C-alpha atoms as a PDB file:
ATOM      1  CA  MET A   1      10.117  -4.120 -11.957  1.00  0.00           C
ATOM      2  CA  ASN A   2      10.007  -2.788 -15.486  1.00  0.00           C
ATOM      3  CA  GLN A   3       9.810   0.975 -15.607  1.00  0.00           C
ATOM      4  CA  LEU A   4       6.182   2.017 -15.814  1.00  0.00           C
ATOM      5  CA  PRO A   5       4.828   4.697 -18.143  1.00  0.00           C
ATOM      6  CA  PRO A   6       4.517   7.973 -16.193  1.00  0.00           C
ATOM      7  CA  ASP A   7       0.698   7.994 -16.001  1.00  0.00           C
ATOM      8  CA  ILE A   8       0.493   4.392 -14.810  1.00  0.00           C
ATOM      9  CA  ARG A   9       3.389   4.934 -12.402  1.00  0.00           C
ATOM     10  CA  ALA A  10       1.478   7.850 -10.870  1.00  0.00           C
ATOM     11  CA  ALA A  11      -1.636   5.694 -10.442  1.00  0.00           C
ATOM     12  CA  VAL A  12       0.297   2.771  -8.905  1.00  0.00           C
ATOM     13  CA  ALA A  13       2.141   5.158  -6.576  1.00  0.00           C
ATOM     14  CA  PHE A  14      -1.198   6.665  -5.519  1.00  0.00           C
ATOM     15  CA  LEU A  15      -2.546   3.184  -4.771  1.00  0.00           C
ATOM     16  CA  ARG A  16       0.493   2.312  -2.661  1.00  0.00           C
ATOM     17  CA  GLY A  17       0.145   5.597  -0.781  1.00  0.00           C
ATOM     18  CA  ASN A  18      -3.573   5.282   0.018  1.00  0.00           C
ATOM     19  CA  LEU A  19      -4.312   2.100   1.919  1.00  0.00           C
ATOM     20  CA  SER A  20      -7.589   3.180   3.549  1.00  0.00           C
ATOM     21  CA  GLY A  21     -10.799   3.766   1.634  1.00  0.00           C
ATOM     22  CA  LEU A  22     -14.263   2.458   0.882  1.00  0.00           C
ATOM     23  CA  ILE A  23     -15.407  -0.780  -0.674  1.00  0.00           C
ATOM     24  CA  ARG A  24     -18.688  -0.942  -2.573  1.00  0.00           C
ATOM     25  CA  PHE A  25     -20.220  -4.390  -2.799  1.00  0.00           C
ATOM     26  CA  ASP A  26     -23.534  -4.477  -4.639  1.00  0.00           C
ATOM     27  CA  THR A  27     -25.259  -1.376  -3.182  1.00  0.00           C
ATOM     28  CA  GLU A  28     -23.468  -1.297   0.194  1.00  0.00           C
ATOM     29  CA  TYR A  29     -20.457   0.834   1.184  1.00  0.00           C
ATOM     30  CA  MET A  30     -18.038   0.045   4.014  1.00  0.00           C
ATOM     31  CA  PRO A  31     -14.668   1.427   5.181  1.00  0.00           C
ATOM     32  CA  ILE A  32     -11.765  -0.853   4.345  1.00  0.00           C
ATOM     33  CA  ARG A  33      -8.008  -1.018   4.805  1.00  0.00           C
ATOM     34  CA  VAL A  34      -5.780  -2.801   2.335  1.00  0.00           C
ATOM     35  CA  VAL A  35      -2.179  -3.790   1.671  1.00  0.00           C
ATOM     36  CA  LEU A  36      -0.415  -4.848  -1.503  1.00  0.00           C
ATOM     37  CA  ALA A  37       0.728  -8.434  -1.955  1.00  0.00           C
ATOM     38  CA  PRO A  38       4.157  -9.037  -3.538  1.00  0.00           C
ATOM     39  CA  ASP A  39       2.477  -9.901  -6.833  1.00  0.00           C
ATOM     40  CA  GLY A  40       0.610  -6.575  -6.921  1.00  0.00           C
ATOM     41  CA  ARG A  41      -2.818  -7.847  -5.920  1.00  0.00           C
ATOM     42  CA  ILE A  42      -4.697  -6.256  -3.032  1.00  0.00           C
ATOM     43  CA  VAL A  43      -5.177  -7.921   0.365  1.00  0.00           C
ATOM     44  CA  ALA A  44      -7.960  -7.107   2.826  1.00  0.00           C
ATOM     45  CA  SER A  45      -9.918  -8.389   5.790  1.00  0.00           C
ATOM     46  CA  VAL A  46     -13.488  -8.668   4.483  1.00  0.00           C
ATOM     47  CA  MET A  47     -17.060  -9.628   5.298  1.00  0.00           C
ATOM     48  CA  GLU A  48     -18.660 -12.769   3.917  1.00  0.00           C
ATOM     49  CA  SER A  49     -21.133 -10.647   1.954  1.00  0.00           C
ATOM     50  CA  MET A  50     -18.232  -8.956   0.153  1.00  0.00           C
ATOM     51  CA  LEU A  51     -16.859 -12.320  -0.919  1.00  0.00           C
ATOM     52  CA  ARG A  52     -20.262 -13.313  -2.307  1.00  0.00           C
ATOM     53  CA  SER A  53     -20.705 -10.111  -4.300  1.00  0.00           C
ATOM     54  CA  ILE A  54     -19.996 -10.119  -8.029  1.00  0.00           C
ATOM     55  CA  ASP A  55     -19.862  -6.320  -8.209  1.00  0.00           C
ATOM     56  CA  CYS A  56     -17.133  -4.801  -6.026  1.00  0.00           C
ATOM     57  CA  ALA A  57     -15.202  -1.540  -6.266  1.00  0.00           C
ATOM     58  CA  LEU A  58     -12.609   0.222  -4.127  1.00  0.00           C
ATOM     59  CA  TYR A  59     -12.433   3.993  -3.660  1.00  0.00           C
ATOM     60  CA  LEU A  60      -9.151   5.285  -2.252  1.00  0.00           C
ATOM     61  CA  PRO A  61      -8.842   7.347  -0.086  1.00  0.00           C
ATOM     62  CA  GLU A  62     -12.084   7.285   1.898  1.00  0.00           C
ATOM     63  CA  GLU A  63     -12.236  11.050   2.450  1.00  0.00           C
ATOM     64  CA  PRO A  64     -10.125  13.301   0.183  1.00  0.00           C
ATOM     65  CA  ASN A  65      -8.957  16.475   1.877  1.00  0.00           C
ATOM     66  CA  ASN A  66     -10.473  18.651  -0.846  1.00  0.00           C
ATOM     67  CA  GLU A  67     -13.127  18.116  -3.498  1.00  0.00           C
ATOM     68  CA  GLU A  68     -10.568  18.549  -6.267  1.00  0.00           C
ATOM     69  CA  ASP A  69      -8.193  15.913  -4.809  1.00  0.00           C
ATOM     70  CA  ASP A  70      -7.682  12.688  -6.725  1.00  0.00           C
ATOM     71  CA  VAL A  71      -9.616   9.521  -5.934  1.00  0.00           C
ATOM     72  CA  LEU A  72      -8.583   6.119  -7.253  1.00  0.00           C
ATOM     73  CA  GLN A  73     -11.476   3.907  -8.357  1.00  0.00           C
ATOM     74  CA  LEU A  74     -10.770   0.204  -8.797  1.00  0.00           C
ATOM     75  CA  MET A  75     -13.098  -2.502 -10.019  1.00  0.00           C
ATOM     76  CA  VAL A  76     -11.963  -5.663  -8.242  1.00  0.00           C
ATOM     77  CA  SER A  77     -12.677  -9.387  -8.103  1.00  0.00           C
ATOM     78  CA  LEU A  78     -12.386 -11.022  -4.689  1.00  0.00           C
ATOM     79  CA  GLU A  79     -10.844 -14.438  -4.062  1.00  0.00           C
ATOM     80  CA  ARG A  80     -11.152 -15.970  -0.608  1.00  0.00           C
ATOM     81  CA  PHE A  81      -8.042 -17.284   1.124  1.00  0.00           C
ATOM     82  CA  GLU A  82      -7.604 -18.976   4.467  1.00  0.00           C
ATOM     83  CA  GLU A  83      -5.238 -17.741   7.137  1.00  0.00           C
ATOM     84  CA  ASP A  84      -3.860 -21.262   7.643  1.00  0.00           C
ATOM     85  CA  GLY A  85      -3.473 -21.875   3.908  1.00  0.00           C
ATOM     86  CA  GLU A  86      -1.073 -21.040   1.093  1.00  0.00           C
ATOM     87  CA  HIS A  87      -1.581 -17.287   1.326  1.00  0.00           C
ATOM     88  CA  GLY A  88      -1.767 -17.070   5.115  1.00  0.00           C
ATOM     89  CA  HIS A  89       1.371 -14.907   5.251  1.00  0.00           C
ATOM     90  CA  LEU A  90      -0.618 -12.156   3.542  1.00  0.00           C
ATOM     91  CA  ALA A  91      -2.894 -11.930   6.586  1.00  0.00           C
ATOM     92  CA  ASP A  92       0.236 -11.379   8.675  1.00  0.00           C
ATOM     93  CA  ARG A  93       1.338  -8.682   6.237  1.00  0.00           C
ATOM     94  CA  TRP A  94      -2.010  -6.922   6.667  1.00  0.00           C
ATOM     95  CA  ARG A  95      -1.624  -7.036  10.459  1.00  0.00           C
ATOM     96  CA  ILE A  96       1.886  -5.553  10.273  1.00  0.00           C
ATOM     97  CA  TYR A  97       0.365  -2.537   8.518  1.00  0.00           C
ATOM     98  CA  HIS A  98      -2.982  -2.179  10.271  1.00  0.00           C
ATOM     99  CA  GLY A  99      -3.108  -4.200  13.504  1.00  0.00           C
ATOM    100  CA  ASP A 100      -6.122  -6.329  14.424  1.00  0.00           C
ATOM    101  CA  PRO A 101      -8.439  -7.114  11.492  1.00  0.00           C
ATOM    102  CA  PRO A 102     -12.152  -6.243  11.587  1.00  0.00           C
ATOM    103  CA  ASP A 103     -13.108  -9.705  10.338  1.00  0.00           C
ATOM    104  CA  VAL A 104     -11.738 -13.249  10.268  1.00  0.00           C
ATOM    105  CA  ARG A 105     -12.283 -13.628   6.516  1.00  0.00           C
ATOM    106  CA  TRP A 106      -9.621 -12.682   4.006  1.00  0.00           C
ATOM    107  CA  ALA A 107      -9.576 -11.823   0.322  1.00  0.00           C
ATOM    108  CA  LEU A 108      -7.078 -11.346  -2.455  1.00  0.00           C
ATOM    109  CA  MET A 109      -8.415  -8.762  -4.878  1.00  0.00           C
ATOM    110  CA  ALA A 110      -7.520  -8.838  -8.550  1.00  0.00           C
ATOM    111  CA  ILE A 111      -7.718  -5.419 -10.197  1.00  0.00           C
ATOM    112  CA  ASP A 112     -10.022  -5.559 -13.219  1.00  0.00           C
ATOM    113  CA  PHE A 113     -10.118  -1.876 -14.139  1.00  0.00           C
ATOM    114  CA  CYS A 114      -8.919   1.458 -12.787  1.00  0.00           C
ATOM    115  CA  LYS A 115     -10.115   5.030 -13.122  1.00  0.00           C
ATOM    116  CA  PHE A 116      -7.717   7.717 -11.943  1.00  0.00           C
ATOM    117  CA  GLY A 117      -8.554  11.310 -12.823  1.00  0.00           C
ATOM    118  CA  THR A 118      -9.078  11.328 -16.570  1.00  0.00           C
ATOM    119  CA  LEU A 119      -7.229   8.031 -17.015  1.00  0.00           C
ATOM    120  CA  ALA A 120      -8.809   4.651 -17.651  1.00  0.00           C
ATOM    121  CA  ILE A 121      -6.248   1.917 -16.962  1.00  0.00           C
ATOM    122  CA  ASP A 122      -6.452  -1.811 -17.550  1.00  0.00           C
ATOM    123  CA  GLY A 123      -6.259  -3.889 -14.390  1.00  0.00           C
ATOM    124  CA  GLU A 124      -3.240  -5.843 -15.572  1.00  0.00           C
ATOM    125  CA  ALA A 125      -1.266  -2.618 -15.988  1.00  0.00           C
ATOM    126  CA  MET A 126      -2.185  -1.601 -12.420  1.00  0.00           C
ATOM    127  CA  THR A 127      -1.070  -4.950 -10.974  1.00  0.00           C
ATOM    128  CA  SER A 128       2.574  -4.071 -10.471  1.00  0.00           C
ATOM    129  CA  PRO A 129       4.612  -6.745  -8.609  1.00  0.00           C
ATOM    130  CA  ASN A 130       7.075  -5.607  -5.963  1.00  0.00           C
ATOM    131  CA  SER A 131      10.518  -6.433  -7.367  1.00  0.00           C
ATOM    132  CA  LEU A 132      12.051  -5.621  -3.958  1.00  0.00           C
ATOM    133  CA  SER A 133       9.972  -8.187  -2.075  1.00  0.00           C
ATOM    134  CA  ASP A 134      13.006 -10.450  -1.528  1.00  0.00           C
ATOM    135  CA  ASP A 135      14.917  -7.533   0.038  1.00  0.00           C
ATOM    136  CA  GLU A 136      11.990  -6.010   1.933  1.00  0.00           C
ATOM    137  CA  ALA A 137      12.386  -7.841   5.251  1.00  0.00           C
ATOM    138  CA  ALA A 138      16.122  -7.067   5.459  1.00  0.00           C
ATOM    139  CA  VAL A 139      15.611  -3.362   4.714  1.00  0.00           C
ATOM    140  CA  CYS A 140      12.822  -3.073   7.294  1.00  0.00           C
ATOM    141  CA  ARG A 141      14.871  -4.955   9.891  1.00  0.00           C
ATOM    142  CA  LEU A 142      17.863  -2.658   9.358  1.00  0.00           C
ATOM    143  CA  MET A 143      15.757   0.499   9.721  1.00  0.00           C
ATOM    144  CA  ASN A 144      13.842  -0.823  12.743  1.00  0.00           C
ATOM    145  CA  GLN A 145      16.869  -2.015  14.710  1.00  0.00           C
ATOM    146  CA  GLY A 146      18.572   1.271  15.276  1.00  0.00           C
ATOM    147  CA  ARG A 147      17.375   3.877  12.818  1.00  0.00           C
ATOM    148  CA  GLU A 148      14.013   4.775  14.338  1.00  0.00           C
ATOM    149  CA  ALA A 149      15.183   8.376  14.734  1.00  0.00           C
ATOM    150  CA  ASP A 150      15.796   8.518  10.983  1.00  0.00           C
ATOM    151  CA  LEU A 151      12.296   7.201  10.270  1.00  0.00           C
ATOM    152  CA  ARG A 152      10.851   9.760  12.668  1.00  0.00           C
ATOM    153  CA  ALA A 153      12.777  12.546  10.920  1.00  0.00           C
ATOM    154  CA  LEU A 154      11.614  11.439   7.467  1.00  0.00           C
ATOM    155  CA  ALA A 155       7.951  11.325   8.472  1.00  0.00           C
ATOM    156  CA  LEU A 156       8.195  14.774  10.019  1.00  0.00           C
ATOM    157  CA  ARG A 157      10.163  16.337   7.161  1.00  0.00           C
ATOM    158  CA  PHE A 158       8.295  14.897   4.196  1.00  0.00           C
ATOM    159  CA  ARG A 159       4.792  14.272   5.578  1.00  0.00           C
ATOM    160  CA  GLU A 160       4.678  16.701   8.513  1.00  0.00           C
ATOM    161  CA  ILE A 161       3.595  13.887  10.815  1.00  0.00           C
ATOM    162  CA  GLU A 162       5.182  13.221  14.209  1.00  0.00           C
ATOM    163  CA  ILE A 163       5.528   9.506  14.967  1.00  0.00           C
ATOM    164  CA  GLU A 164       6.575   8.493  18.458  1.00  0.00           C
ATOM    165  CA  ALA A 165       7.544   4.885  17.692  1.00  0.00           C
ATOM    166  CA  PRO A 166       7.921   4.528  13.906  1.00  0.00           C
ATOM    167  CA  ARG A 167       8.305   1.142  12.213  1.00  0.00           C
ATOM    168  CA  MET A 168       9.178   0.593   8.588  1.00  0.00           C
ATOM    169  CA  VAL A 169       6.689  -1.998   7.354  1.00  0.00           C
ATOM    170  CA  GLY A 170       7.239  -2.075   3.592  1.00  0.00           C
ATOM    171  CA  VAL A 171       9.478  -1.050   0.737  1.00  0.00           C
ATOM    172  CA  ASP A 172       8.995  -1.261  -3.028  1.00  0.00           C
ATOM    173  CA  PRO A 173      10.439   0.393  -6.139  1.00  0.00           C
ATOM    174  CA  LEU A 174       8.228   3.463  -5.691  1.00  0.00           C
ATOM    175  CA  GLY A 175       8.959   4.206  -2.024  1.00  0.00           C
ATOM    176  CA  PHE A 176       8.508   2.901   1.504  1.00  0.00           C
ATOM    177  CA  ASP A 177       5.925   2.735   4.303  1.00  0.00           C
ATOM    178  CA  ILE A 178       6.299   3.784   7.939  1.00  0.00           C
ATOM    179  CA  ARG A 179       3.686   2.697  10.458  1.00  0.00           C
ATOM    180  CA  GLY A 180       2.763   5.017  13.283  1.00  0.00           C
ATOM    181  CA  ARG A 181       0.271   4.590  16.081  1.00  0.00           C
ATOM    182  CA  PHE A 182      -2.789   5.474  14.002  1.00  0.00           C
ATOM    183  CA  ASP A 183      -1.871   5.191  10.335  1.00  0.00           C
ATOM    184  CA  VAL A 184       0.732   4.325   7.721  1.00  0.00           C
ATOM    185  CA  VAL A 185       2.898   7.110   6.306  1.00  0.00           C
ATOM    186  CA  ARG A 186       4.082   6.776   2.730  1.00  0.00           C
ATOM    187  CA  ILE A 187       7.393   8.255   1.539  1.00  0.00           C
ATOM    188  CA  ASP A 188       7.536   8.256  -2.260  1.00  0.00           C
ATOM    189  CA  SER A 189      10.661   7.904  -4.351  1.00  0.00           C
ATOM    190  CA  ASP A 190      11.146  10.128  -7.391  1.00  0.00           C
ATOM    191  CA  ARG A 191      13.091   7.328  -9.075  1.00  0.00           C
ATOM    192  CA  ASP A 192      12.604   3.584  -9.305  1.00  0.00           C
ATOM    193  CA  LEU A 193      14.475   1.775  -6.540  1.00  0.00           C
ATOM    194  CA  VAL A 194      16.184  -1.304  -7.962  1.00  0.00           C
ATOM    195  CA  SER A 195      17.454  -3.159  -4.866  1.00  0.00           C
ATOM    196  CA  GLY A 196      17.510  -3.157  -1.098  1.00  0.00           C
ATOM    197  CA  GLU A 197      20.854  -1.377  -1.171  1.00  0.00           C
ATOM    198  CA  ASP A 198      19.396   1.254  -3.477  1.00  0.00           C
ATOM    199  CA  ALA A 199      16.475   1.745  -1.087  1.00  0.00           C
ATOM    200  CA  ILE A 200      18.876   2.364   1.824  1.00  0.00           C
ATOM    201  CA  ALA A 201      20.898   4.757  -0.340  1.00  0.00           C
ATOM    202  CA  PHE A 202      17.693   6.639  -1.190  1.00  0.00           C
ATOM    203  CA  ILE A 203      16.810   6.937   2.497  1.00  0.00           C
ATOM    204  CA  ASP A 204      20.283   8.294   3.224  1.00  0.00           C
ATOM    205  CA  GLU A 205      19.867  10.811   0.390  1.00  0.00           C
ATOM    206  CA  LEU A 206      16.595  12.009   1.893  1.00  0.00           C
ATOM    207  CA  LEU A 207      18.177  12.356   5.316  1.00  0.00           C
ATOM    208  CA  ALA A 208      21.106  14.288   3.883  1.00  0.00           C
ATOM    209  CA  SER A 209      18.678  16.687   2.233  1.00  0.00           C
ATOM    210  CA  THR A 210      17.170  17.514   5.647  1.00  0.00           C
ATOM    211  CA  GLU A 211      20.476  18.511   7.232  1.00  0.00           C
END
């Protein structure tokens, strides 16, 4: 992953940290949960009417805590994919994050345009591939096979959320994701992580800072 300009990095980090929101398709609004594909596109379980719409937008998160909190607005184009086809593994990725899908239809969403605060960002700039995707499974496996207490401590220390049975479900240059019973907790990195080993070192640094 090439280092992103600070403003775009902030917007991409916000996207990766807010995976629940609203989708507008034509004049309708519905709650939606998303994940990021390795190539930076967005994956979601969708309704047929969403796939047929030519005017779709995402608003993340669904309900900001305060009126002055940031909201990410994304204009997106939906492309259908089949669970038993080339991109079927992305449906599995969505399930790892969110559980059972609300629909049997799936979409890859290309980002056409982004509005974040006062920023207007081209969709291509927002589509940031995960350069750690080849290392992701190994990092998650390591953390989930004996370091659950560390994940629990990180969620409590940095997000003030208690997770009984935490599972690391994703890692990328900007941080990592821990799934709890009801939601996904994002732990951001203040530097770009360059490898799986670097991600583990970052986790150990965070844990050391809590001692």
